[in-house]
Amino acid sequence: MEARYDKGQKVKIVSVKDKQGNVKYPHNEKYVDEVGVVLDSFYLGAFHVLYYRDHLPEDAYIYKVHLGMSNTVVTAAEEELQPCP
């Protein structure tokens, strides 16, 4: 499995809810709709820890994203991102 987003690609943070309608990644909710640039991607594999353990399979990717509006770097699951034109 390959990462869906490449370094340097513009993406937008989106809210993701589970089957019960609960927010899956509350730590990033304050960044929803912010646009940023992918700095790097990481294959979870052996690093399948912390809050991603309960939400993502081991073969998933997470991303470091630099958000332009808040000048912040966040870690986001692949499903939290949408490509920007």
N, C-alpha and C. Protein backbone atom coordinates (compact mmCIF):
# COMPACT_ATOMS: atom_id res chain seq x y z
N MET A 1 0.85 -1.18 0.00
CA MET A 1 0.00 0.00 0.00
C MET A 1 0.89 1.24 0.00
N GLU A 2 0.56 2.19 -0.84
CA GLU A 2 1.32 3.44 -0.92
C GLU A 2 0.54 4.59 -0.30
N ALA A 3 1.27 5.60 0.11
CA ALA A 3 0.64 6.80 0.67
C ALA A 3 -0.18 7.48 -0.42
N ARG A 4 -1.33 7.98 -0.05
CA ARG A 4 -2.23 8.65 -0.99
C ARG A 4 -1.75 10.06 -1.33
N TYR A 5 -1.09 10.71 -0.37
CA TYR A 5 -0.64 12.09 -0.57
C TYR A 5 0.88 12.16 -0.58
N ASP A 6 1.41 13.05 -1.40
CA ASP A 6 2.86 13.21 -1.57
C ASP A 6 3.35 14.43 -0.79
N LYS A 7 4.65 14.42 -0.48
CA LYS A 7 5.27 15.59 0.13
C LYS A 7 5.05 16.80 -0.77
N GLY A 8 4.70 17.92 -0.17
CA GLY A 8 4.47 19.14 -0.93
C GLY A 8 3.06 19.30 -1.44
N GLN A 9 2.23 18.28 -1.32
CA GLN A 9 0.85 18.37 -1.82
C GLN A 9 -0.02 19.17 -0.87
N LYS A 10 -0.91 20.01 -1.43
CA LYS A 10 -1.85 20.79 -0.63
C LYS A 10 -3.03 19.91 -0.25
N VAL A 11 -3.39 19.96 1.04
CA VAL A 11 -4.51 19.18 1.55
C VAL A 11 -5.32 20.03 2.52
N LYS A 12 -6.54 19.56 2.77
CA LYS A 12 -7.43 20.23 3.73
C LYS A 12 -7.77 19.22 4.82
N ILE A 13 -7.80 19.68 6.06
CA ILE A 13 -8.20 18.84 7.19
C ILE A 13 -9.73 18.75 7.21
N VAL A 14 -10.26 17.53 7.35
CA VAL A 14 -11.70 17.32 7.42
C VAL A 14 -12.05 16.54 8.68
N SER A 15 -13.27 16.70 9.13
CA SER A 15 -13.77 15.97 10.30
C SER A 15 -14.17 14.56 9.88
N VAL A 16 -13.84 13.58 10.72
CA VAL A 16 -14.19 12.19 10.45
C VAL A 16 -14.98 11.67 11.63
N LYS A 17 -16.11 11.01 11.35
CA LYS A 17 -16.95 10.46 12.41
C LYS A 17 -17.03 8.94 12.27
N ASP A 18 -17.17 8.27 13.41
CA ASP A 18 -17.31 6.82 13.39
C ASP A 18 -18.78 6.46 13.12
N LYS A 19 -19.09 5.17 13.16
CA LYS A 19 -20.45 4.71 12.84
C LYS A 19 -21.50 5.22 13.81
N GLN A 20 -21.08 5.56 15.03
CA GLN A 20 -22.02 6.10 16.02
C GLN A 20 -22.15 7.62 15.93
N GLY A 21 -21.43 8.23 15.01
CA GLY A 21 -21.50 9.68 14.84
C GLY A 21 -20.56 10.46 15.73
N ASN A 22 -19.64 9.75 16.41
CA ASN A 22 -18.67 10.42 17.26
C ASN A 22 -17.44 10.83 16.45
N VAL A 23 -16.85 11.95 16.79
CA VAL A 23 -15.65 12.42 16.12
C VAL A 23 -14.52 11.44 16.44
N LYS A 24 -13.83 10.95 15.38
CA LYS A 24 -12.76 9.98 15.57
C LYS A 24 -11.45 10.59 16.02
N TYR A 25 -11.18 11.81 15.62
CA TYR A 25 -9.89 12.45 15.93
C TYR A 25 -10.12 13.83 16.56
N PRO A 26 -10.60 13.86 17.80
CA PRO A 26 -10.93 15.15 18.42
C PRO A 26 -9.74 16.09 18.56
N HIS A 27 -8.53 15.54 18.59
CA HIS A 27 -7.33 16.39 18.73
C HIS A 27 -7.12 17.29 17.52
N ASN A 28 -7.74 16.98 16.38
CA ASN A 28 -7.57 17.82 15.18
C ASN A 28 -8.83 18.59 14.79
N GLU A 29 -9.88 18.47 15.56
CA GLU A 29 -11.13 19.15 15.21
C GLU A 29 -10.96 20.66 15.08
N LYS A 30 -10.09 21.25 15.88
CA LYS A 30 -9.91 22.71 15.81
C LYS A 30 -9.25 23.14 14.50
N TYR A 31 -8.71 22.19 13.73
CA TYR A 31 -8.05 22.51 12.46
C TYR A 31 -8.91 22.18 11.24
N VAL A 32 -10.13 21.70 11.46
CA VAL A 32 -11.01 21.33 10.35
C VAL A 32 -11.18 22.52 9.41
N ASP A 33 -11.09 22.24 8.11
CA ASP A 33 -11.21 23.21 7.01
C ASP A 33 -9.94 24.04 6.79
N GLU A 34 -8.90 23.84 7.59
CA GLU A 34 -7.64 24.54 7.33
C GLU A 34 -6.89 23.82 6.22
N VAL A 35 -6.19 24.58 5.42
CA VAL A 35 -5.41 24.04 4.30
C VAL A 35 -3.94 24.07 4.68
N GLY A 36 -3.24 23.01 4.27
CA GLY A 36 -1.82 22.94 4.57
C GLY A 36 -1.07 22.15 3.51
N VAL A 37 0.19 21.91 3.79
CA VAL A 37 1.07 21.20 2.86
C VAL A 37 1.64 19.98 3.58
N VAL A 38 1.61 18.83 2.90
CA VAL A 38 2.16 17.61 3.47
C VAL A 38 3.67 17.73 3.58
N LEU A 39 4.19 17.54 4.79
CA LEU A 39 5.63 17.57 5.02
C LEU A 39 6.24 16.18 4.89
N ASP A 40 5.49 15.16 5.37
CA ASP A 40 6.00 13.80 5.35
C ASP A 40 4.86 12.84 5.63
N SER A 41 5.06 11.57 5.27
CA SER A 41 4.09 10.54 5.58
C SER A 41 4.81 9.39 6.27
N PHE A 42 4.06 8.68 7.11
CA PHE A 42 4.62 7.57 7.87
C PHE A 42 3.68 6.39 7.80
N TYR A 43 4.24 5.24 7.47
CA TYR A 43 3.50 3.99 7.47
C TYR A 43 3.40 3.53 8.91
N LEU A 44 2.21 3.25 9.40
CA LEU A 44 2.06 2.92 10.81
C LEU A 44 2.83 1.66 11.20
N GLY A 45 2.52 0.53 10.62
CA GLY A 45 3.22 -0.71 10.92
C GLY A 45 3.55 -0.85 12.40
N ALA A 46 4.83 -0.91 12.73
CA ALA A 46 5.28 -1.10 14.11
C ALA A 46 4.98 0.11 15.00
N PHE A 47 4.71 1.26 14.39
CA PHE A 47 4.44 2.49 15.16
C PHE A 47 2.94 2.68 15.40
N HIS A 48 2.19 1.62 15.32
CA HIS A 48 0.74 1.64 15.45
C HIS A 48 0.38 1.84 16.92
N VAL A 49 0.50 3.08 17.39
CA VAL A 49 0.35 3.37 18.82
C VAL A 49 -0.56 4.57 19.06
N LEU A 50 -0.71 4.90 20.30
CA LEU A 50 -1.46 6.07 20.76
C LEU A 50 -2.89 6.09 20.24
N TYR A 51 -3.41 7.26 19.89
CA TYR A 51 -4.81 7.39 19.52
C TYR A 51 -5.14 6.78 18.18
N TYR A 52 -4.17 6.45 17.35
CA TYR A 52 -4.49 5.83 16.05
C TYR A 52 -4.76 4.34 16.18
N ARG A 53 -4.29 3.71 17.24
CA ARG A 53 -4.44 2.27 17.41
C ARG A 53 -5.91 1.85 17.33
N ASP A 54 -6.81 2.61 17.91
CA ASP A 54 -8.22 2.24 17.94
C ASP A 54 -8.99 2.63 16.68
N HIS A 55 -8.39 3.41 15.80
CA HIS A 55 -9.11 3.92 14.65
C HIS A 55 -8.59 3.48 13.30
N LEU A 56 -7.34 3.07 13.22
CA LEU A 56 -6.73 2.77 11.92
C LEU A 56 -6.11 1.39 11.90
N PRO A 57 -6.16 0.72 10.75
CA PRO A 57 -5.45 -0.56 10.63
C PRO A 57 -3.94 -0.32 10.60
N GLU A 58 -3.17 -1.36 10.83
CA GLU A 58 -1.72 -1.22 10.87
C GLU A 58 -1.12 -0.82 9.52
N ASP A 59 -1.83 -1.08 8.43
CA ASP A 59 -1.28 -0.76 7.10
C ASP A 59 -1.67 0.63 6.62
N ALA A 60 -2.04 1.51 7.55
CA ALA A 60 -2.46 2.88 7.20
C ALA A 60 -1.28 3.85 7.28
N TYR A 61 -1.49 5.03 6.72
CA TYR A 61 -0.50 6.10 6.77
C TYR A 61 -1.01 7.25 7.61
N ILE A 62 -0.08 7.91 8.28
CA ILE A 62 -0.38 9.18 8.92
C ILE A 62 0.56 10.21 8.30
N TYR A 63 0.20 11.49 8.43
CA TYR A 63 0.92 12.56 7.76
C TYR A 63 1.25 13.69 8.71
N LYS A 64 2.38 14.33 8.47
CA LYS A 64 2.72 15.59 9.12
C LYS A 64 2.32 16.67 8.12
N VAL A 65 1.47 17.60 8.57
CA VAL A 65 0.94 18.64 7.69
C VAL A 65 1.21 20.01 8.31
N HIS A 66 1.81 20.90 7.52
CA HIS A 66 2.04 22.28 7.95
C HIS A 66 0.84 23.10 7.52
N LEU A 67 0.10 23.62 8.51
CA LEU A 67 -1.10 24.41 8.23
C LEU A 67 -0.71 25.87 8.10
N GLY A 68 -1.08 26.47 6.99
CA GLY A 68 -0.67 27.83 6.68
C GLY A 68 -1.30 28.90 7.55
N MET A 69 -2.59 28.77 7.83
CA MET A 69 -3.30 29.82 8.57
C MET A 69 -2.80 29.94 10.01
N SER A 70 -2.57 28.82 10.65
CA SER A 70 -2.15 28.87 12.06
C SER A 70 -0.66 28.65 12.24
N ASN A 71 0.06 28.42 11.13
CA ASN A 71 1.50 28.15 11.17
C ASN A 71 1.82 27.05 12.17
N THR A 72 1.03 25.97 12.08
CA THR A 72 1.13 24.83 12.98
C THR A 72 1.42 23.58 12.17
N VAL A 73 2.13 22.63 12.77
CA VAL A 73 2.34 21.32 12.16
C VAL A 73 1.52 20.32 12.95
N VAL A 74 0.65 19.58 12.27
CA VAL A 74 -0.20 18.57 12.91
C VAL A 74 0.08 17.20 12.31
N THR A 75 -0.26 16.18 13.07
CA THR A 75 -0.22 14.80 12.59
C THR A 75 -1.66 14.42 12.30
N ALA A 76 -1.91 13.91 11.10
CA ALA A 76 -3.27 13.58 10.70
C ALA A 76 -3.31 12.22 10.02
N ALA A 77 -4.40 11.49 10.27
CA ALA A 77 -4.63 10.23 9.58
C ALA A 77 -5.00 10.53 8.12
N GLU A 78 -4.75 9.57 7.25
CA GLU A 78 -5.05 9.76 5.84
C GLU A 78 -6.51 10.12 5.61
N GLU A 79 -7.42 9.51 6.38
CA GLU A 79 -8.84 9.79 6.19
C GLU A 79 -9.25 11.18 6.67
N GLU A 80 -8.37 11.89 7.36
CA GLU A 80 -8.64 13.26 7.79
C GLU A 80 -8.28 14.29 6.74
N LEU A 81 -7.75 13.84 5.61
CA LEU A 81 -7.24 14.76 4.59
C LEU A 81 -8.04 14.65 3.30
N GLN A 82 -8.17 15.79 2.62
CA GLN A 82 -8.73 15.86 1.27
C GLN A 82 -7.75 16.65 0.41
N PRO A 83 -7.58 16.23 -0.83
CA PRO A 83 -6.68 17.01 -1.71
C PRO A 83 -7.28 18.37 -2.04
N CYS A 84 -6.43 19.35 -2.22
CA CYS A 84 -6.84 20.68 -2.64
C CYS A 84 -6.37 20.89 -4.07
N PRO A 85 -7.16 21.59 -4.87
CA PRO A 85 -6.73 21.85 -6.26
C PRO A 85 -5.55 22.81 -6.33
